[in-house]
């Protein structure tokens, strides 16, 4: 059985994302000016149909929006089969 975890720890989030080949991103059509809009984690090659809507951003920019929005990172270490999981979701703290 797979288990989900929550964290707000920047180092923990970054490590989890990078171990899976992911990168911080935002949805291009959201946000205005300095606001990056909706945050996402992009896994190039996994979400080909959604890749065109996502734009990579720097970690500093990502975590600034993450903290301002009072988000928590919900994630899964492994799938039920024991493989590395890429399941993640942003929730309110």
C-alpha atoms as a PDB file:
ATOM      1  CA  UNK A   1       0.000   0.000   0.000  1.00  0.00           C
ATOM      2  CA  UNK A   2       1.283   3.473  -0.877  1.00  0.00           C
ATOM      3  CA  UNK A   3       1.283   6.253   1.680  1.00  0.00           C
ATOM      4  CA  UNK A   4       1.054  10.004   1.143  1.00  0.00           C
ATOM      5  CA  UNK A   5       2.973  12.606   3.140  1.00  0.00           C
ATOM      6  CA  UNK A   6       2.687  16.366   3.609  1.00  0.00           C
ATOM      7  CA  UNK A   7       5.534  18.842   3.935  1.00  0.00           C
ATOM      8  CA  UNK A   8       6.304  22.537   3.721  1.00  0.00           C
ATOM      9  CA  UNK A   9      10.076  21.977   3.958  1.00  0.00           C
ATOM     10  CA  UNK A  10      11.757  23.472   0.890  1.00  0.00           C
ATOM     11  CA  UNK A  11      14.752  21.121   0.978  1.00  0.00           C
ATOM     12  CA  UNK A  12      12.533  18.054   1.259  1.00  0.00           C
ATOM     13  CA  UNK A  13      10.360  19.172  -1.670  1.00  0.00           C
ATOM     14  CA  UNK A  14      13.328  20.026  -3.876  1.00  0.00           C
ATOM     15  CA  UNK A  15      15.044  16.705  -3.135  1.00  0.00           C
ATOM     16  CA  UNK A  16      11.875  14.706  -3.897  1.00  0.00           C
ATOM     17  CA  UNK A  17      11.297  16.546  -7.191  1.00  0.00           C
ATOM     18  CA  UNK A  18      14.902  16.334  -8.401  1.00  0.00           C
ATOM     19  CA  UNK A  19      15.225  12.625  -7.514  1.00  0.00           C
ATOM     20  CA  UNK A  20      12.415  12.015 -10.016  1.00  0.00           C
ATOM     21  CA  UNK A  21      13.797  14.238 -12.768  1.00  0.00           C
ATOM     22  CA  UNK A  22      11.200  16.931 -12.171  1.00  0.00           C
ATOM     23  CA  UNK A  23      11.456  20.680 -12.074  1.00  0.00           C
ATOM     24  CA  UNK A  24       9.418  23.565 -10.671  1.00  0.00           C
ATOM     25  CA  UNK A  25       6.991  25.090 -13.149  1.00  0.00           C
ATOM     26  CA  UNK A  26       3.905  27.240 -13.489  1.00  0.00           C
ATOM     27  CA  UNK A  27       0.898  27.197 -15.793  1.00  0.00           C
ATOM     28  CA  UNK A  28       1.671  29.765 -18.525  1.00  0.00           C
ATOM     29  CA  UNK A  29      -1.827  31.220 -18.797  1.00  0.00           C
ATOM     30  CA  UNK A  30      -2.100  32.074 -15.091  1.00  0.00           C
ATOM     31  CA  UNK A  31      -0.675  34.919 -13.055  1.00  0.00           C
ATOM     32  CA  UNK A  32       0.069  38.506 -13.993  1.00  0.00           C
ATOM     33  CA  UNK A  33       3.129  40.677 -13.620  1.00  0.00           C
ATOM     34  CA  UNK A  34       5.326  39.342 -10.817  1.00  0.00           C
ATOM     35  CA  UNK A  35       2.746  36.671  -9.868  1.00  0.00           C
ATOM     36  CA  UNK A  36       3.697  33.347 -11.488  1.00  0.00           C
ATOM     37  CA  UNK A  37       0.162  31.981 -11.084  1.00  0.00           C
ATOM     38  CA  UNK A  38      -0.523  28.282 -10.566  1.00  0.00           C
ATOM     39  CA  UNK A  39       2.411  26.164  -9.464  1.00  0.00           C
ATOM     40  CA  UNK A  40       3.101  22.711 -10.832  1.00  0.00           C
ATOM     41  CA  UNK A  41       5.871  20.152 -10.842  1.00  0.00           C
ATOM     42  CA  UNK A  42       6.867  19.242 -14.379  1.00  0.00           C
ATOM     43  CA  UNK A  43       8.176  15.794 -15.235  1.00  0.00           C
ATOM     44  CA  UNK A  44       9.395  16.179 -18.824  1.00  0.00           C
ATOM     45  CA  UNK A  45       8.399  13.208 -20.945  1.00  0.00           C
ATOM     46  CA  UNK A  46       5.643  12.066 -18.569  1.00  0.00           C
ATOM     47  CA  UNK A  47       3.047  14.701 -19.348  1.00  0.00           C
ATOM     48  CA  UNK A  48       3.680  15.393 -23.028  1.00  0.00           C
ATOM     49  CA  UNK A  49       0.170  16.720 -23.682  1.00  0.00           C
ATOM     50  CA  UNK A  50       0.451  19.211 -20.794  1.00  0.00           C
ATOM     51  CA  UNK A  51       4.112  20.173 -21.345  1.00  0.00           C
ATOM     52  CA  UNK A  52       3.139  23.011 -23.695  1.00  0.00           C
ATOM     53  CA  UNK A  53       1.070  24.644 -20.919  1.00  0.00           C
ATOM     54  CA  UNK A  54       3.870  24.489 -18.354  1.00  0.00           C
ATOM     55  CA  UNK A  55       6.879  26.748 -18.142  1.00  0.00           C
ATOM     56  CA  UNK A  56       9.860  25.991 -15.899  1.00  0.00           C
ATOM     57  CA  UNK A  57      10.657  28.537 -13.180  1.00  0.00           C
ATOM     58  CA  UNK A  58      13.509  28.921 -10.706  1.00  0.00           C
ATOM     59  CA  UNK A  59      13.269  27.340  -7.270  1.00  0.00           C
ATOM     60  CA  UNK A  60      13.426  30.758  -5.548  1.00  0.00           C
ATOM     61  CA  UNK A  61      10.430  31.973  -7.541  1.00  0.00           C
ATOM     62  CA  UNK A  62       8.599  28.695  -6.918  1.00  0.00           C
ATOM     63  CA  UNK A  63       9.095  28.763  -3.133  1.00  0.00           C
ATOM     64  CA  UNK A  64       8.209  32.465  -2.895  1.00  0.00           C
ATOM     65  CA  UNK A  65       4.773  31.717  -4.413  1.00  0.00           C
ATOM     66  CA  UNK A  66       4.500  28.465  -2.397  1.00  0.00           C
ATOM     67  CA  UNK A  67       4.986  30.328   0.901  1.00  0.00           C
ATOM     68  CA  UNK A  68       2.885  33.381  -0.045  1.00  0.00           C
ATOM     69  CA  UNK A  69       0.004  31.069  -0.949  1.00  0.00           C
ATOM     70  CA  UNK A  70       0.437  29.103   2.306  1.00  0.00           C
ATOM     71  CA  UNK A  71       0.655  25.812   0.445  1.00  0.00           C
ATOM     72  CA  UNK A  72       1.642  22.370   1.614  1.00  0.00           C
ATOM     73  CA  UNK A  73       3.133  19.695  -0.642  1.00  0.00           C
ATOM     74  CA  UNK A  74       1.306  16.359  -0.649  1.00  0.00           C
ATOM     75  CA  UNK A  75       3.414  13.610  -2.172  1.00  0.00           C
ATOM     76  CA  UNK A  76       3.998   9.885  -2.371  1.00  0.00           C
ATOM     77  CA  UNK A  77       7.419   8.221  -2.109  1.00  0.00           C
ATOM     78  CA  UNK A  78       6.533   4.950  -3.837  1.00  0.00           C
ATOM     79  CA  UNK A  79       3.664   3.423  -5.783  1.00  0.00           C
ATOM     80  CA  UNK A  80       1.799   0.368  -4.528  1.00  0.00           C
ATOM     81  CA  UNK A  81       4.172  -1.691  -6.724  1.00  0.00           C
ATOM     82  CA  UNK A  82       7.221  -0.206  -4.995  1.00  0.00           C
ATOM     83  CA  UNK A  83       8.343   2.053  -7.871  1.00  0.00           C
ATOM     84  CA  UNK A  84       9.249   5.711  -7.323  1.00  0.00           C
ATOM     85  CA  UNK A  85       6.049   7.722  -7.438  1.00  0.00           C
ATOM     86  CA  UNK A  86       5.582  11.098  -9.094  1.00  0.00           C
ATOM     87  CA  UNK A  87       2.211  11.685  -7.421  1.00  0.00           C
ATOM     88  CA  UNK A  88       2.048  15.163  -5.926  1.00  0.00           C
ATOM     89  CA  UNK A  89      -0.495  17.834  -5.163  1.00  0.00           C
ATOM     90  CA  UNK A  90      -0.533  21.274  -3.579  1.00  0.00           C
ATOM     91  CA  UNK A  91      -2.930  21.764  -0.656  1.00  0.00           C
ATOM     92  CA  UNK A  92      -3.663  24.584   1.759  1.00  0.00           C
ATOM     93  CA  UNK A  93      -1.776  24.518   5.085  1.00  0.00           C
END
